Structure formats: structure tokens, C-alpha cells
Amino acid sequence: QYIKLSDNFIYELSRKLCMEIIGLTERVSIRHGDKSFKVRAKIDTGSKYNSINDKLAKKLGLELHKKSINIRAATGYQKRETAFAVLTIKRRKIRTLFTITNREHMKYQVLIGTRTLKRRFLIDPSKKK
């Protein structure tokens, strides 16, 4: 059974918690150095880490971090390289870690995970683009 919350209640809650309301997809900006790209990203509450397409990471000139991460993906476990970049969502700039992988076959080049989202954003699945 689901409880339908009013838009006003969600707005007031986000204001009191100092959190932005975002939808399941958001227009974001990713910056590294003097290069920046705007893309539509998938907000993924089932994923812990952010992910960026390898070609976009190369265009941004992302420098690989020393640490690689083991990720449980749909195809099994994968070891992925990582890099830091500045992510902007709804005017909030966050220096965050991305795993780098080939996302060419996927609809979104960037996926935003819970490590970046928690304590910063409320997710409203009914929010339209």
C-alpha cells in the first residue's frame, strides 16, 4: 500500500532538510579542469557508485585514480578504474568519484549513485524532466 504525499509536503520537507528535489533523470554538468560537458544522467538509487562512459571520461581528460573498485554489475563482478570530477546537479557542485566503463549501449552516459545523493537530494520519481 502506498501513501500519496502532497507536492507541498515534499517541498516543505526538502526546504527544512536543505535538500533539493530531483527526478529519476537530471541534467547535470561534469567538469574536470577547464573542460565541462552537460548530459542527462540517470539517478540510480540501486547503485552505490557513480559511473561515466569511458569516451566521455576521455573527452574530459579525467585522470585515473590509483584506486580501482570491484562493482557488482548485471553481468557479474567487474574491476573498474576510477577518477574524480566535479559534478553539478541543481546548482550543487560536488567533487565525486566516478567508475569508468563502456556505457555506449546504455541510454545514459552518466549514472549517479547513492554515495553522491545521500544527505543532499530527495528523489521524487513522479517529477518530470
C-alpha atoms as a PDB file:
ATOM      1  CA  GLN A   1       0.000   0.000   0.000  1.00  0.00           C
ATOM      2  CA  TYR A   2       1.344   3.431  -0.952  1.00  0.00           C
ATOM      3  CA  ILE A   3       0.806   6.815   0.667  1.00  0.00           C
ATOM      4  CA  LYS A   4       0.440   9.737  -1.731  1.00  0.00           C
ATOM      5  CA  LEU A   5       2.241  12.770  -0.315  1.00  0.00           C
ATOM      6  CA  SER A   6       1.234  16.212  -1.445  1.00  0.00           C
ATOM      7  CA  ASP A   7       3.684  18.243  -3.518  1.00  0.00           C
ATOM      8  CA  ASN A   8       3.537  20.948  -0.843  1.00  0.00           C
ATOM      9  CA  PHE A   9       4.567  18.479   1.871  1.00  0.00           C
ATOM     10  CA  ILE A  10       7.540  17.249  -0.187  1.00  0.00           C
ATOM     11  CA  TYR A  11       8.593  20.828  -0.938  1.00  0.00           C
ATOM     12  CA  GLU A  12       8.419  21.833   2.752  1.00  0.00           C
ATOM     13  CA  LEU A  13      10.336  18.715   3.798  1.00  0.00           C
ATOM     14  CA  SER A  14      13.103  19.397   1.267  1.00  0.00           C
ATOM     15  CA  ARG A  15      13.326  23.018   2.423  1.00  0.00           C
ATOM     16  CA  LYS A  16      13.644  22.065   6.096  1.00  0.00           C
ATOM     17  CA  LEU A  17      16.277  19.430   5.342  1.00  0.00           C
ATOM     18  CA  CYS A  18      18.147  21.778   2.949  1.00  0.00           C
ATOM     19  CA  MET A  19      17.842  19.171   0.206  1.00  0.00           C
ATOM     20  CA  GLU A  20      16.982  19.626  -3.468  1.00  0.00           C
ATOM     21  CA  ILE A  21      14.228  17.549  -5.056  1.00  0.00           C
ATOM     22  CA  ILE A  22      15.359  15.688  -8.159  1.00  0.00           C
ATOM     23  CA  GLY A  23      13.720  13.225 -10.521  1.00  0.00           C
ATOM     24  CA  LEU A  24      14.878   9.872 -11.862  1.00  0.00           C
ATOM     25  CA  THR A  25      16.825  11.650 -14.588  1.00  0.00           C
ATOM     26  CA  GLU A  26      18.504  15.036 -14.297  1.00  0.00           C
ATOM     27  CA  ARG A  27      20.509  17.372 -16.476  1.00  0.00           C
ATOM     28  CA  VAL A  28      23.976  17.527 -14.916  1.00  0.00           C
ATOM     29  CA  SER A  29      27.306  19.136 -15.668  1.00  0.00           C
ATOM     30  CA  ILE A  30      30.581  17.273 -15.282  1.00  0.00           C
ATOM     31  CA  ARG A  31      33.806  19.272 -15.122  1.00  0.00           C
ATOM     32  CA  HIS A  32      37.450  18.424 -14.943  1.00  0.00           C
ATOM     33  CA  GLY A  33      39.980  21.219 -15.287  1.00  0.00           C
ATOM     34  CA  ASP A  34      38.799  23.602 -17.991  1.00  0.00           C
ATOM     35  CA  LYS A  35      36.591  21.031 -19.774  1.00  0.00           C
ATOM     36  CA  SER A  36      32.901  20.655 -18.994  1.00  0.00           C
ATOM     37  CA  PHE A  37      30.024  18.683 -20.511  1.00  0.00           C
ATOM     38  CA  LYS A  38      26.289  18.793 -19.849  1.00  0.00           C
ATOM     39  CA  VAL A  39      24.472  15.460 -20.088  1.00  0.00           C
ATOM     40  CA  ARG A  40      21.254  13.854 -18.899  1.00  0.00           C
ATOM     41  CA  ALA A  41      22.135  11.446 -16.087  1.00  0.00           C
ATOM     42  CA  LYS A  42      20.208   8.535 -14.620  1.00  0.00           C
ATOM     43  CA  ILE A  43      19.631   8.801 -10.863  1.00  0.00           C
ATOM     44  CA  ASP A  44      20.147   5.247  -9.630  1.00  0.00           C
ATOM     45  CA  THR A  45      19.244   4.543  -6.008  1.00  0.00           C
ATOM     46  CA  GLY A  46      20.202   0.888  -6.547  1.00  0.00           C
ATOM     47  CA  SER A  47      23.811   1.761  -7.282  1.00  0.00           C
ATOM     48  CA  LYS A  48      26.356   2.844  -4.697  1.00  0.00           C
ATOM     49  CA  TYR A  49      28.835   4.433  -7.110  1.00  0.00           C
ATOM     50  CA  ASN A  50      28.667   6.935  -9.958  1.00  0.00           C
ATOM     51  CA  SER A  51      29.556   5.698 -13.407  1.00  0.00           C
ATOM     52  CA  ILE A  52      30.694   7.575 -16.509  1.00  0.00           C
ATOM     53  CA  ASN A  53      31.122   6.420 -20.094  1.00  0.00           C
ATOM     54  CA  ASP A  54      34.785   5.832 -20.954  1.00  0.00           C
ATOM     55  CA  LYS A  55      34.653   8.052 -24.064  1.00  0.00           C
ATOM     56  CA  LEU A  56      33.164  10.968 -22.117  1.00  0.00           C
ATOM     57  CA  ALA A  57      35.823  10.480 -19.431  1.00  0.00           C
ATOM     58  CA  LYS A  58      38.493  10.682 -22.123  1.00  0.00           C
ATOM     59  CA  LYS A  59      36.963  13.874 -23.613  1.00  0.00           C
ATOM     60  CA  LEU A  60      37.021  15.430 -20.133  1.00  0.00           C
ATOM     61  CA  GLY A  61      40.634  14.375 -19.670  1.00  0.00           C
ATOM     62  CA  LEU A  62      39.867  12.575 -16.409  1.00  0.00           C
ATOM     63  CA  GLU A  63      42.990  11.362 -14.647  1.00  0.00           C
ATOM     64  CA  LEU A  64      42.754   7.808 -13.368  1.00  0.00           C
ATOM     65  CA  HIS A  65      42.791   7.489  -9.606  1.00  0.00           C
ATOM     66  CA  LYS A  66      45.156   4.926  -8.056  1.00  0.00           C
ATOM     67  CA  LYS A  67      42.216   3.008  -6.626  1.00  0.00           C
ATOM     68  CA  SER A  68      40.070   0.707  -8.734  1.00  0.00           C
ATOM     69  CA  ILE A  69      36.771  -0.665  -7.425  1.00  0.00           C
ATOM     70  CA  ASN A  70      35.067  -4.048  -7.712  1.00  0.00           C
ATOM     71  CA  ILE A  71      31.493  -3.480  -8.885  1.00  0.00           C
ATOM     72  CA  ARG A  72      28.649  -5.994  -8.931  1.00  0.00           C
ATOM     73  CA  ALA A  73      27.076  -5.435 -12.338  1.00  0.00           C
ATOM     74  CA  ALA A  74      24.302  -7.289 -14.189  1.00  0.00           C
ATOM     75  CA  THR A  75      26.968  -9.413 -15.900  1.00  0.00           C
ATOM     76  CA  GLY A  76      28.803 -10.265 -12.675  1.00  0.00           C
ATOM     77  CA  TYR A  77      31.668  -8.599 -10.828  1.00  0.00           C
ATOM     78  CA  GLN A  78      33.861  -6.118 -12.699  1.00  0.00           C
ATOM     79  CA  LYS A  79      37.013  -4.310 -11.644  1.00  0.00           C
ATOM     80  CA  ARG A  80      36.687  -0.662 -12.755  1.00  0.00           C
ATOM     81  CA  GLU A  81      39.105   2.218 -12.931  1.00  0.00           C
ATOM     82  CA  THR A  82      38.057   5.387 -11.087  1.00  0.00           C
ATOM     83  CA  ALA A  83      38.537   9.135 -11.473  1.00  0.00           C
ATOM     84  CA  PHE A  84      37.429  12.297  -9.687  1.00  0.00           C
ATOM     85  CA  ALA A  85      35.408  15.052 -11.366  1.00  0.00           C
ATOM     86  CA  VAL A  86      33.187  17.934 -10.285  1.00  0.00           C
ATOM     87  CA  LEU A  87      29.511  17.113 -10.731  1.00  0.00           C
ATOM     88  CA  THR A  88      26.873  19.863 -10.705  1.00  0.00           C
ATOM     89  CA  ILE A  89      23.267  18.896 -10.009  1.00  0.00           C
ATOM     90  CA  LYS A  90      20.716  21.666  -9.392  1.00  0.00           C
ATOM     91  CA  ARG A  91      23.406  24.290  -8.696  1.00  0.00           C
ATOM     92  CA  ARG A  92      25.166  21.994  -6.181  1.00  0.00           C
ATOM     93  CA  LYS A  93      28.802  21.334  -7.019  1.00  0.00           C
ATOM     94  CA  ILE A  94      30.173  18.051  -5.694  1.00  0.00           C
ATOM     95  CA  ARG A  95      33.687  16.691  -6.170  1.00  0.00           C
ATOM     96  CA  THR A  96      32.964  12.999  -6.533  1.00  0.00           C
ATOM     97  CA  LEU A  97      34.393   9.679  -7.643  1.00  0.00           C
ATOM     98  CA  PHE A  98      33.258   8.019 -10.877  1.00  0.00           C
ATOM     99  CA  THR A  99      33.858   4.489 -12.071  1.00  0.00           C
ATOM    100  CA  ILE A 100      34.778   4.382 -15.747  1.00  0.00           C
ATOM    101  CA  THR A 101      33.142   1.849 -18.061  1.00  0.00           C
ATOM    102  CA  ASN A 102      31.777   1.464 -21.578  1.00  0.00           C
ATOM    103  CA  ARG A 103      28.184   2.726 -21.445  1.00  0.00           C
ATOM    104  CA  GLU A 104      27.751   3.107 -25.235  1.00  0.00           C
ATOM    105  CA  HIS A 105      24.957   0.532 -25.316  1.00  0.00           C
ATOM    106  CA  MET A 106      23.070   2.270 -22.498  1.00  0.00           C
ATOM    107  CA  LYS A 107      20.635   5.163 -22.697  1.00  0.00           C
ATOM    108  CA  TYR A 108      22.570   7.382 -20.251  1.00  0.00           C
ATOM    109  CA  GLN A 109      26.305   8.149 -20.382  1.00  0.00           C
ATOM    110  CA  VAL A 110      26.324   9.013 -16.673  1.00  0.00           C
ATOM    111  CA  LEU A 111      24.779   7.243 -13.712  1.00  0.00           C
ATOM    112  CA  ILE A 112      24.593   8.894 -10.265  1.00  0.00           C
ATOM    113  CA  GLY A 113      24.712   6.556  -7.254  1.00  0.00           C
ATOM    114  CA  THR A 114      23.739   6.818  -3.615  1.00  0.00           C
ATOM    115  CA  ARG A 115      27.163   7.896  -2.288  1.00  0.00           C
ATOM    116  CA  THR A 116      26.680  11.206  -4.103  1.00  0.00           C
ATOM    117  CA  LEU A 117      22.938  11.505  -3.473  1.00  0.00           C
ATOM    118  CA  LYS A 118      22.585  10.820   0.248  1.00  0.00           C
ATOM    119  CA  ARG A 119      22.057  13.777   2.575  1.00  0.00           C
ATOM    120  CA  ARG A 120      21.967  16.091  -0.458  1.00  0.00           C
ATOM    121  CA  PHE A 121      18.881  15.230  -2.517  1.00  0.00           C
ATOM    122  CA  LEU A 122      15.341  13.896  -2.202  1.00  0.00           C
ATOM    123  CA  ILE A 123      14.261  11.800  -5.168  1.00  0.00           C
ATOM    124  CA  ASP A 124      10.734  12.224  -6.469  1.00  0.00           C
ATOM    125  CA  PRO A 125      10.016   9.539  -9.091  1.00  0.00           C
ATOM    126  CA  SER A 126       6.924  11.424 -10.253  1.00  0.00           C
ATOM    127  CA  LYS A 127       8.987  14.515 -11.153  1.00  0.00           C
ATOM    128  CA  LYS A 128       9.032  15.073 -14.903  1.00  0.00           C
ATOM    129  CA  LYS A 129      12.077  16.124 -16.925  1.00  0.00           C
END
